[in-house]
Protein backbone atom coordinates (compact mmCIF):
# COMPACT_ATOMS: atom_id res chain seq x y z
CA MET A 1 156.28 93.29 100.31
CA ASP A 2 152.50 93.40 100.63
CA LEU A 3 151.21 92.37 104.05
CA PRO A 4 147.63 91.38 104.93
CA LEU A 5 145.52 94.22 106.29
CA PHE A 6 145.95 94.65 110.09
CA SER A 7 148.73 92.02 110.12
CA GLU A 8 150.55 94.01 112.81
CA PHE A 9 147.74 93.23 115.28
CA PRO A 10 147.58 89.86 117.06
CA ALA A 11 144.72 87.50 116.17
CA SER A 12 141.74 87.57 118.50
CA ASN A 13 138.41 85.85 118.90
CA LYS A 14 135.13 86.50 120.68
CA ASN A 15 136.43 85.17 123.97
CA THR A 16 139.33 87.64 123.82
CA TRP A 17 136.83 90.48 123.44
CA LYS A 18 134.71 89.17 126.33
CA GLN A 19 137.71 88.93 128.64
CA GLN A 20 138.60 92.55 127.86
CA ALA A 21 134.99 93.58 128.47
CA LEU A 22 134.98 91.83 131.85
CA LYS A 23 138.16 93.65 132.77
CA ASP A 24 136.69 97.01 131.79
CA LEU A 25 133.49 96.33 133.74
CA LYS A 26 135.56 96.28 136.95
CA GLY A 27 133.49 93.70 138.75
CA LYS A 28 130.05 94.51 137.30
CA ASP A 29 128.01 91.51 136.20
CA PHE A 30 128.50 90.92 132.45
CA ASP A 31 125.03 89.47 131.81
CA ALA A 32 123.18 92.11 133.82
CA THR A 33 125.15 94.96 132.29
CA LEU A 34 125.59 94.06 128.63
CA LEU A 35 122.98 91.49 127.62
CA TRP A 36 119.77 92.88 126.12
CA LYS A 37 116.65 90.97 127.15
CA VAL A 38 113.74 91.71 124.80
CA ASP A 39 110.06 91.20 125.60
CA ASP A 40 109.89 87.94 123.70
CA GLY A 41 112.26 86.22 126.12
CA ILE A 42 115.12 86.50 123.64
CA VAL A 43 118.57 87.48 124.84
CA VAL A 44 120.71 89.62 122.53
CA GLU A 45 124.45 89.73 123.06
CA PRO A 46 126.40 93.00 122.76
CA TYR A 47 128.82 91.63 120.19
CA TYR A 48 128.74 88.96 117.46
CA THR A 49 131.48 87.57 115.27
CA GLU A 50 131.82 85.16 112.37
CA GLU A 51 132.14 82.39 114.95
CA ASP A 52 128.45 82.91 115.80
CA THR A 53 127.27 82.08 112.26
CA GLU A 54 129.31 78.95 111.55
CA ASN A 55 126.44 76.54 112.22
CA GLU A 56 124.96 75.05 109.01
CA ILE A 57 121.50 76.21 110.09
CA PHE A 58 122.42 79.76 109.00
CA GLY A 59 122.85 78.48 105.46
CA GLN A 60 119.35 76.99 105.65
CA ILE A 61 117.96 80.32 106.85
CA ARG A 62 119.65 82.19 103.98
CA GLN A 63 118.42 79.59 101.47
CA ALA A 64 114.84 80.23 102.60
CA GLN A 65 115.16 83.97 101.79
CA THR A 66 115.49 83.44 98.03
CA LYS A 67 113.12 85.81 96.21
CA SER A 68 113.17 88.76 93.86
CA PRO A 69 114.57 91.82 95.65
CA GLU A 70 111.66 93.90 94.35
CA TRP A 71 108.35 94.36 96.12
CA ALA A 72 104.96 95.69 95.07
CA ASN A 73 103.90 99.10 96.39
CA GLN A 74 100.35 98.19 97.48
CA PRO A 75 98.24 101.00 99.01
CA LEU A 76 95.05 100.25 100.92
CA VAL A 77 91.78 101.66 99.53
CA MET A 78 88.58 101.62 101.60
CA PHE A 79 85.43 101.30 99.48
CA GLU A 80 83.28 104.44 99.45
CA ASN A 81 81.18 104.15 96.29
CA GLU A 82 82.01 102.74 92.88
CA LYS A 83 82.81 106.10 91.25
CA GLU A 84 85.00 107.57 94.01
CA THR A 85 86.76 104.26 94.71
CA ASN A 86 87.49 103.70 91.02
CA ALA A 87 89.10 107.16 90.77
CA THR A 88 91.18 106.52 93.91
CA ILE A 89 92.49 103.19 92.61
CA ILE A 90 93.41 104.63 89.21
CA ASN A 91 95.15 107.58 90.87
CA HIS A 92 97.26 105.22 92.99
CA PHE A 93 98.31 103.23 89.93
CA GLU A 94 99.19 106.39 88.03
CA LYS A 95 101.29 107.72 90.96
CA GLY A 96 103.54 104.69 91.59
CA ALA A 97 101.50 101.83 93.02
CA GLN A 98 102.00 98.36 91.53
CA ALA A 99 99.05 96.72 93.32
CA ILE A 100 96.04 97.68 95.46
CA THR A 101 94.33 96.30 98.53
CA LEU A 102 90.59 97.02 98.26
CA ASP A 103 88.59 96.67 101.50
CA PHE A 104 84.81 96.57 101.04
CA GLY A 105 84.18 97.03 104.77
CA ASN A 106 80.56 96.30 105.63
CA LYS A 107 79.35 96.82 102.06
CA SER A 108 77.29 94.02 100.52
CA ILE A 109 79.04 92.77 97.38
CA GLY A 110 75.67 92.21 95.72
CA ASP A 111 75.02 95.96 95.89
CA VAL A 112 78.28 96.92 94.14
CA PRO A 113 78.27 97.33 90.32
CA LEU A 114 81.64 95.67 89.75
CA SER A 115 81.92 96.70 86.09
CA ARG A 116 81.73 100.39 87.09
CA LEU A 117 83.96 99.91 90.12
CA LEU A 118 86.72 98.37 87.96
CA HIS A 119 86.20 100.51 84.85
CA GLY A 120 89.59 101.22 83.26
CA ILE A 121 91.38 98.77 85.57
CA LYS A 122 92.52 95.61 83.81
CA LEU A 123 93.07 93.02 86.52
CA SER A 124 95.30 90.90 84.30
CA GLU A 125 97.83 93.76 84.36
CA ARG A 126 97.10 95.58 87.62
CA PRO A 127 96.77 93.29 90.67
CA VAL A 128 94.00 94.01 93.15
CA TYR A 129 93.69 92.16 96.48
CA PHE A 130 90.17 92.10 97.89
CA ILE A 131 88.92 92.10 101.50
CA THR A 132 85.21 91.19 101.55
CA HIS A 133 84.47 89.96 105.10
CA HIS A 134 83.03 86.50 104.30
CA GLN A 135 81.73 87.50 100.84
CA ALA A 136 84.61 86.19 98.73
CA LEU A 137 82.52 83.64 96.85
CA ASP A 138 79.96 86.31 95.93
CA LEU A 139 82.77 88.58 94.73
CA LEU A 140 84.42 85.93 92.56
CA ASN A 141 81.08 84.94 91.03
CA GLY A 142 80.42 88.60 90.27
CA LEU A 143 83.86 89.08 88.72
CA ASP A 144 83.40 86.00 86.54
CA ALA A 145 80.39 87.72 84.98
CA VAL A 146 82.33 90.84 83.94
CA ILE A 147 85.94 89.70 83.46
CA PRO A 148 86.74 87.24 80.65
CA TYR A 149 90.43 86.78 81.53
CA GLN A 150 92.66 85.47 84.33
CA MET A 151 93.24 88.00 87.09
CA LYS A 152 96.29 89.04 89.08
CA GLY A 153 95.98 89.81 92.78
CA GLY A 154 94.01 87.74 95.23
CA LEU A 155 91.97 87.63 98.42
CA LEU A 156 93.31 89.11 101.66
CA GLU A 157 90.43 87.39 103.40
CA ASP A 158 91.36 85.49 106.56
CA GLY A 159 88.28 83.75 107.89
CA LEU A 160 90.09 82.44 110.96
CA ALA A 161 91.17 85.96 111.90
CA LEU A 162 87.57 87.14 111.58
CA TRP A 163 86.47 84.25 113.79
CA MET A 164 89.02 85.23 116.44
CA THR A 165 87.89 88.87 116.42
CA THR A 166 84.12 88.50 115.87
CA GLY A 167 83.30 84.94 116.95
CA HIS A 168 81.72 84.29 113.55
CA LEU A 169 82.90 81.59 111.13
CA PRO A 170 80.39 80.31 108.55
CA SER A 171 80.11 76.53 108.59
CA SER A 172 80.78 76.56 104.84
CA HIS A 173 83.92 78.72 105.06
CA PHE A 174 86.56 76.11 104.24
CA ARG A 175 84.33 74.40 101.68
CA ASP A 176 83.72 77.74 99.93
CA LEU A 177 87.42 78.60 100.06
CA ALA A 178 88.27 75.24 98.51
CA GLU A 179 85.74 75.90 95.72
CA ILE A 180 87.19 79.37 95.08
CA THR A 181 90.73 77.97 94.96
CA LYS A 182 89.76 75.24 92.48
CA LYS A 183 88.10 77.80 90.21
CA GLN A 184 91.19 80.01 90.29
CA GLN A 185 93.82 77.28 89.98
CA GLU A 186 94.62 78.27 86.38
CA ALA A 187 95.10 81.92 87.38
CA LEU A 188 98.74 81.59 88.40
CA HIS A 189 99.00 85.11 89.81
CA PHE A 190 95.78 85.16 91.85
CA ARG A 191 96.17 83.96 95.45
CA THR A 192 93.05 82.85 97.30
CA ILE A 193 94.22 81.60 100.73
CA CYS A 194 95.22 84.39 103.12
CA VAL A 195 96.87 83.83 106.50
CA SER A 196 97.18 87.09 108.41
CA SER A 197 98.94 88.16 111.59
CA HIS A 198 96.99 91.42 112.02
CA ALA A 199 94.55 90.13 114.64
CA PHE A 200 97.41 88.94 116.86
CA HIS A 201 99.55 92.03 116.28
CA ASP A 202 96.74 94.52 116.91
CA ALA A 203 95.73 92.72 120.11
CA GLY A 204 99.24 93.30 121.49
CA ALA A 205 101.14 90.08 120.74
CA HIS A 206 104.90 90.22 120.87
CA ILE A 207 106.88 89.09 117.84
CA VAL A 208 107.43 85.44 118.81
CA GLN A 209 103.72 85.05 119.59
CA GLU A 210 102.69 86.73 116.37
CA LEU A 211 104.93 84.46 114.33
CA ALA A 212 103.95 81.23 116.10
CA PHE A 213 100.21 81.95 116.01
CA THR A 214 100.37 82.93 112.33
CA LEU A 215 102.14 79.68 111.44
CA ALA A 216 99.60 77.73 113.49
CA SER A 217 96.87 79.46 111.49
CA ALA A 218 98.59 78.49 108.23
CA ILE A 219 98.79 74.85 109.34
CA THR A 220 95.07 74.95 110.13
CA TYR A 221 94.27 76.21 106.63
CA VAL A 222 96.39 73.50 105.03
CA ASP A 223 94.73 70.78 107.13
CA LYS A 224 91.19 72.04 106.52
CA LEU A 225 91.60 72.61 102.78
CA THR A 226 93.32 69.31 102.07
CA ASP A 227 90.45 67.68 103.99
CA GLU A 228 88.17 69.41 101.46
CA GLY A 229 90.07 67.67 98.67
CA LEU A 230 92.55 70.31 97.55
CA PRO A 231 96.00 68.99 96.56
CA LEU A 232 98.76 70.08 98.93
CA ASP A 233 100.77 71.74 96.16
CA LEU A 234 97.76 73.84 95.08
CA VAL A 235 97.25 75.07 98.65
CA MET A 236 100.91 76.11 98.83
CA GLU A 237 100.75 77.92 95.47
CA LYS A 238 97.66 79.90 96.46
CA LEU A 239 98.66 80.84 100.01
CA ILE A 240 99.61 84.40 100.97
CA PHE A 241 100.81 85.67 104.35
CA SER A 242 99.64 89.16 105.33
CA VAL A 243 101.75 90.43 108.22
CA SER A 244 101.71 93.57 110.37
CA ILE A 245 105.06 95.26 110.94
CA GLY A 246 105.71 97.07 114.21
CA THR A 247 108.28 99.53 115.48
CA ASN A 248 110.93 97.12 116.84
CA TYR A 249 113.18 97.63 113.82
CA PHE A 250 115.59 94.69 113.98
CA MET A 251 113.12 92.25 115.53
CA GLU A 252 110.64 92.88 112.71
CA ILE A 253 113.36 92.17 110.12
CA ALA A 254 114.13 88.93 111.94
CA LYS A 255 110.41 88.08 112.13
CA LEU A 256 109.95 88.05 108.36
CA ARG A 257 113.18 86.15 107.75
CA ALA A 258 112.14 83.63 110.42
CA LEU A 259 108.71 83.28 108.80
CA ARG A 260 110.30 82.29 105.49
CA TYR A 261 112.65 79.84 107.18
CA LEU A 262 110.01 78.20 109.39
CA TRP A 263 107.46 77.93 106.59
CA ARG A 264 110.06 76.14 104.48
CA ARG A 265 110.81 73.86 107.43
CA ILE A 266 107.12 73.04 107.83
CA GLN A 267 106.78 72.30 104.12
CA GLU A 268 109.78 69.98 104.26
CA ALA A 269 107.98 68.04 107.01
CA TRP A 270 104.88 67.75 104.82
CA GLY A 271 107.10 66.70 101.94
CA THR A 272 107.59 63.32 103.62
CA LEU A 273 103.89 62.65 102.92
CA GLY A 274 104.25 62.99 99.17
CA THR A 275 106.04 64.75 96.35
CA PHE A 276 105.42 68.46 95.89
CA THR A 277 107.47 71.55 95.17
CA ILE A 278 108.37 73.64 98.21
CA GLU A 279 106.94 77.10 97.66
CA PRO A 280 108.66 80.18 99.12
CA CYS A 281 106.06 82.06 101.10
CA TYR A 282 104.57 85.19 99.55
CA ILE A 283 104.53 87.91 102.19
CA HIS A 284 102.34 91.00 102.09
CA ALA A 285 103.54 93.37 104.83
CA GLN A 286 101.50 96.22 106.29
CA THR A 287 102.64 98.98 108.63
CA SER A 288 101.13 98.85 112.09
CA TYR A 289 97.80 100.20 113.30
CA PHE A 290 98.70 99.20 116.88
CA TYR A 291 101.47 101.82 117.17
CA ASP A 292 99.64 104.77 115.55
CA ALA A 293 98.76 107.79 117.66
CA THR A 294 96.28 110.66 117.47
CA ILE A 295 98.63 112.97 119.39
CA THR A 296 101.73 114.47 117.76
CA SER A 297 100.35 112.61 114.76
CA ASN A 298 103.17 113.44 112.34
CA THR A 299 105.31 110.97 114.28
CA ASN A 300 103.15 108.27 112.68
CA MET A 301 105.05 109.01 109.46
CA LEU A 302 108.35 108.26 111.20
CA ARG A 303 107.05 105.01 112.60
CA ALA A 304 105.63 104.00 109.23
CA THR A 305 108.99 104.67 107.57
CA THR A 306 111.01 102.47 109.93
CA GLU A 307 108.31 99.78 109.79
CA ALA A 308 108.43 99.86 105.98
CA MET A 309 112.22 99.55 106.04
CA SER A 310 111.96 96.52 108.34
CA ALA A 311 109.46 94.94 105.97
CA VAL A 312 111.62 95.51 102.90
CA ILE A 313 114.90 94.41 104.50
CA GLY A 314 113.07 91.42 105.96
CA GLY A 315 112.03 90.41 102.46
CA CYS A 316 108.37 91.27 101.86
CA ASN A 317 106.87 90.69 98.40
CA ALA A 318 104.34 93.49 98.74
CA LEU A 319 104.12 96.49 101.06
CA THR A 320 101.15 98.51 102.29
CA VAL A 321 102.10 101.72 104.11
CA ARG A 322 99.09 103.02 106.00
CA PRO A 323 98.49 106.81 105.87
CA TYR A 324 99.60 108.60 109.04
CA ASP A 325 96.12 110.08 109.67
CA GLU A 326 94.07 106.91 109.13
CA VAL A 327 93.24 106.53 112.85
CA PHE A 328 91.58 109.92 113.23
CA ARG A 329 90.12 110.89 109.85
CA LYS A 330 89.64 109.76 106.28
CA PRO A 331 93.08 109.99 104.59
CA ASP A 332 93.38 112.82 102.08
CA GLU A 333 95.48 113.29 98.93
CA PHE A 334 98.50 114.44 100.95
CA SER A 335 98.58 111.56 103.44
CA ASP A 336 97.93 108.99 100.68
CA ARG A 337 100.83 110.44 98.69
CA ILE A 338 103.21 110.42 101.65
CA ALA A 339 102.34 106.79 102.46
CA ARG A 340 102.68 105.66 98.85
CA ASN A 341 105.98 107.51 98.39
CA ILE A 342 107.66 105.88 101.40
CA SER A 343 107.76 102.69 99.37
CA VAL A 344 108.87 104.59 96.25
CA LEU A 345 111.76 106.21 98.13
CA LEU A 346 112.93 102.89 99.57
CA SER A 347 113.29 101.55 96.05
CA GLU A 348 114.18 104.56 93.91
CA GLU A 349 116.55 106.31 96.34
CA SER A 350 117.64 103.63 98.81
CA TYR A 351 118.09 100.91 96.15
CA LEU A 352 116.78 98.24 98.50
CA ASP A 353 115.07 96.65 95.51
CA LYS A 354 118.49 95.77 94.08
CA VAL A 355 119.63 93.40 96.86
CA ILE A 356 118.42 89.89 97.67
CA ASP A 357 118.23 89.42 101.46
CA PRO A 358 119.98 92.64 102.59
CA ALA A 359 120.24 91.26 106.15
CA ALA A 360 122.36 88.25 105.11
CA GLY A 361 125.90 88.43 106.45
CA SER A 362 124.99 90.55 109.47
CA TYR A 363 126.17 88.44 112.40
CA PHE A 364 123.66 90.19 114.66
CA LEU A 365 120.63 89.82 112.38
CA GLU A 366 121.49 86.25 111.45
CA ASN A 367 121.60 85.27 115.13
CA LEU A 368 118.48 87.28 115.90
CA THR A 369 116.63 85.44 113.11
CA LEU A 370 117.69 82.11 114.59
CA SER A 371 116.66 83.14 118.12
CA VAL A 372 113.22 84.28 116.93
CA SER A 373 112.82 81.09 114.89
CA GLU A 374 113.68 78.81 117.79
CA ALA A 375 111.39 80.61 120.23
CA ALA A 376 108.48 80.69 117.75
CA TRP A 377 108.97 77.01 116.90
CA GLU A 378 108.80 76.06 120.58
CA LEU A 379 105.55 78.01 121.02
CA LEU A 380 104.14 76.56 117.79
CA LEU A 381 104.76 73.02 119.08
CA GLU A 382 102.95 73.95 122.31
CA ILE A 383 99.94 75.09 120.29
CA GLU A 384 99.96 71.92 118.20
CA ASN A 385 100.10 69.82 121.37
CA LYS A 386 96.91 71.58 122.49
CA GLY A 387 95.18 70.47 119.30
CA GLY A 388 96.11 73.29 116.94
CA LEU A 389 95.16 76.93 116.60
CA MET A 390 91.39 76.61 116.94
CA ALA A 391 91.54 74.33 119.97
CA ALA A 392 94.14 76.55 121.68
CA PHE A 393 91.98 79.60 120.97
CA GLU A 394 88.85 77.95 122.38
CA GLN A 395 90.87 77.21 125.54
CA ASN A 396 91.76 80.95 125.75
CA PHE A 397 95.44 80.00 125.63
CA ILE A 398 96.26 82.39 122.78
CA GLN A 399 94.21 85.26 124.22
CA ASN A 400 95.84 84.96 127.66
CA GLN A 401 99.32 84.86 126.16
CA ILE A 402 98.66 87.98 124.08
CA ASP A 403 97.03 89.86 126.96
CA ALA A 404 100.11 89.28 129.14
CA ALA A 405 102.33 90.64 126.35
CA PHE A 406 100.11 93.70 125.90
CA GLN A 407 100.09 94.48 129.62
CA LYS A 408 103.90 94.24 129.68
CA LYS A 409 104.21 96.70 126.77
CA LEU A 410 101.75 99.09 128.40
CA LYS A 411 103.53 98.93 131.76
CA ASP A 412 106.88 99.64 130.12
CA LEU A 413 105.45 102.70 128.36
CA GLU A 414 103.84 104.03 131.53
CA GLU A 415 107.09 103.58 133.47
CA GLY A 416 109.23 105.09 130.71
CA LYS A 417 111.14 101.86 130.03
CA ARG A 418 109.91 101.99 126.45
CA THR A 419 109.64 105.15 124.37
CA MET A 420 107.05 106.14 121.81
CA VAL A 421 108.07 109.51 120.42
CA GLY A 422 105.16 111.94 120.63
CA VAL A 423 103.18 109.65 122.95
CA ASN A 424 104.85 109.08 126.31
CA LYS A 425 107.84 111.35 125.53
CA PHE A 426 108.56 114.40 123.34
CA ARG A 427 104.88 115.31 122.90
CA PHE A 428 103.85 118.36 120.94
CA ASP A 429 100.06 118.13 120.51
CA GLU A 430 98.44 117.37 123.84
CA THR A 431 94.87 116.97 122.58
CA PRO A 432 93.85 113.87 120.58
CA LEU A 433 92.57 114.75 117.11
CA ALA A 434 89.59 112.38 116.95
CA PHE A 435 88.39 108.81 117.36
CA GLU A 436 89.25 105.88 115.11
CA ASN A 437 87.17 105.41 112.01
CA HIS A 438 86.37 101.75 112.68
CA SER A 439 83.68 100.04 114.72
CA PRO A 440 84.81 98.61 118.06
CA ASN A 441 84.77 94.87 118.66
CA VAL A 442 81.51 93.58 120.11
CA GLN A 443 81.81 90.42 122.19
CA PRO A 444 79.10 87.97 121.09
CA THR A 445 77.95 85.07 123.20
CA THR A 446 80.92 82.71 123.07
CA TYR A 447 82.59 80.46 125.60
CA PHE A 448 85.98 81.98 124.75
CA LYS A 449 87.38 85.49 124.66
CA LEU A 450 87.86 87.38 121.40
CA LEU A 451 90.87 89.35 120.24
CA GLU A 452 90.34 93.10 120.44
CA ARG A 453 91.90 95.56 118.01
CA LYS A 454 93.92 97.99 120.13
CA ARG A 455 96.13 101.05 119.85
CA ILE A 456 98.62 101.15 122.67
CA SER A 457 98.86 104.95 122.64
CA LYS A 458 95.17 105.40 123.60
CA ILE A 459 95.97 105.30 127.32
CA PHE A 460 98.04 108.49 126.84
CA GLU A 461 95.40 110.30 124.78
CA LYS A 462 92.97 111.04 127.58
């Protein structure tokens, strides 16, 4: 006679486990001993069971994760000159990239011969995402003159993020963005509206803050662009989230899953205003600058690998792995190859591109996603009650929240409560290699503080 597996053991539930744990603790406080309190105010239990995922909300979270399991390997290329940059882009495509992020830096688009820059690169087949720093309209007008077909790719150009880091936002920004989006509405695979989390992440925000502020930014874009006359469904089709991924492995997975769920929830609320198709959010993930170090620098590869895994398991559509040496020199062929191949290995050898929502069914990750979602939603409502992202930023609410989170992270590192391998523990190289290759933030005359791009390891590199 066949018996069910483990039938000789009595049935138990989570409470049975907890009672045994209390007995084994011999009087120690259960909460103080076994509950994990993360920076974001979220409490993680030591043990989860199927009982913890019986609420129907978990089905809604899983439903929001629906997407292709594949992601685009999307290296970042900094513009040097048209000849060198063209060769770099083509090399990336030949060596495994499916898309490119091209950052023009401080270069004037009018001085770039676009036909030579893009020679041999057909944008209808090979997606390129452009960062132009308030020159997107000039770029699109220039591309129209040399490209007779619909492009793939888009603009990773977040004007609100630039405003929060530089204090500068052209008065025509939303009008120009609406014009660009109208012109590209027939190009189904070219996204024009970018909402990024990088400014929050690199200033030191914790995960709940980063998620809430990013969603508040997205709401601002929707409000401003519909005010400019764009249909709501067109805004949703053209929107792309560009998100930094940090070193807190499970929390970063939960962050992306929570982003998909909350964005769907927000769209459902807008759906009461009219009929439109709910669009799953397109997420471009990028490994963190904030956690890179110039000491024991090879550990940056390890951090980038776990960050990339979090991004993929969390459900990103595209992934940029930053080279390990980007913070202290211009990346070379070796570091570019290592960064690009992290994504290749996650697909070709780990088979993570074969599974839709790999985190689904994990009692721990499902509950963590819900906890992150609830905390971010509460903070988002607080921002909206202050008048939205821009009003909250002008009141220094966002900056003060992020600064408190940064100081907490820094204090934990200095006291050894948090470990960065090769930085505050297990160091090999004691001397920093060099300075960053970007210009520091300059505070213009504003009545509010700006977000500063930071690396938390700098305090240990003196």
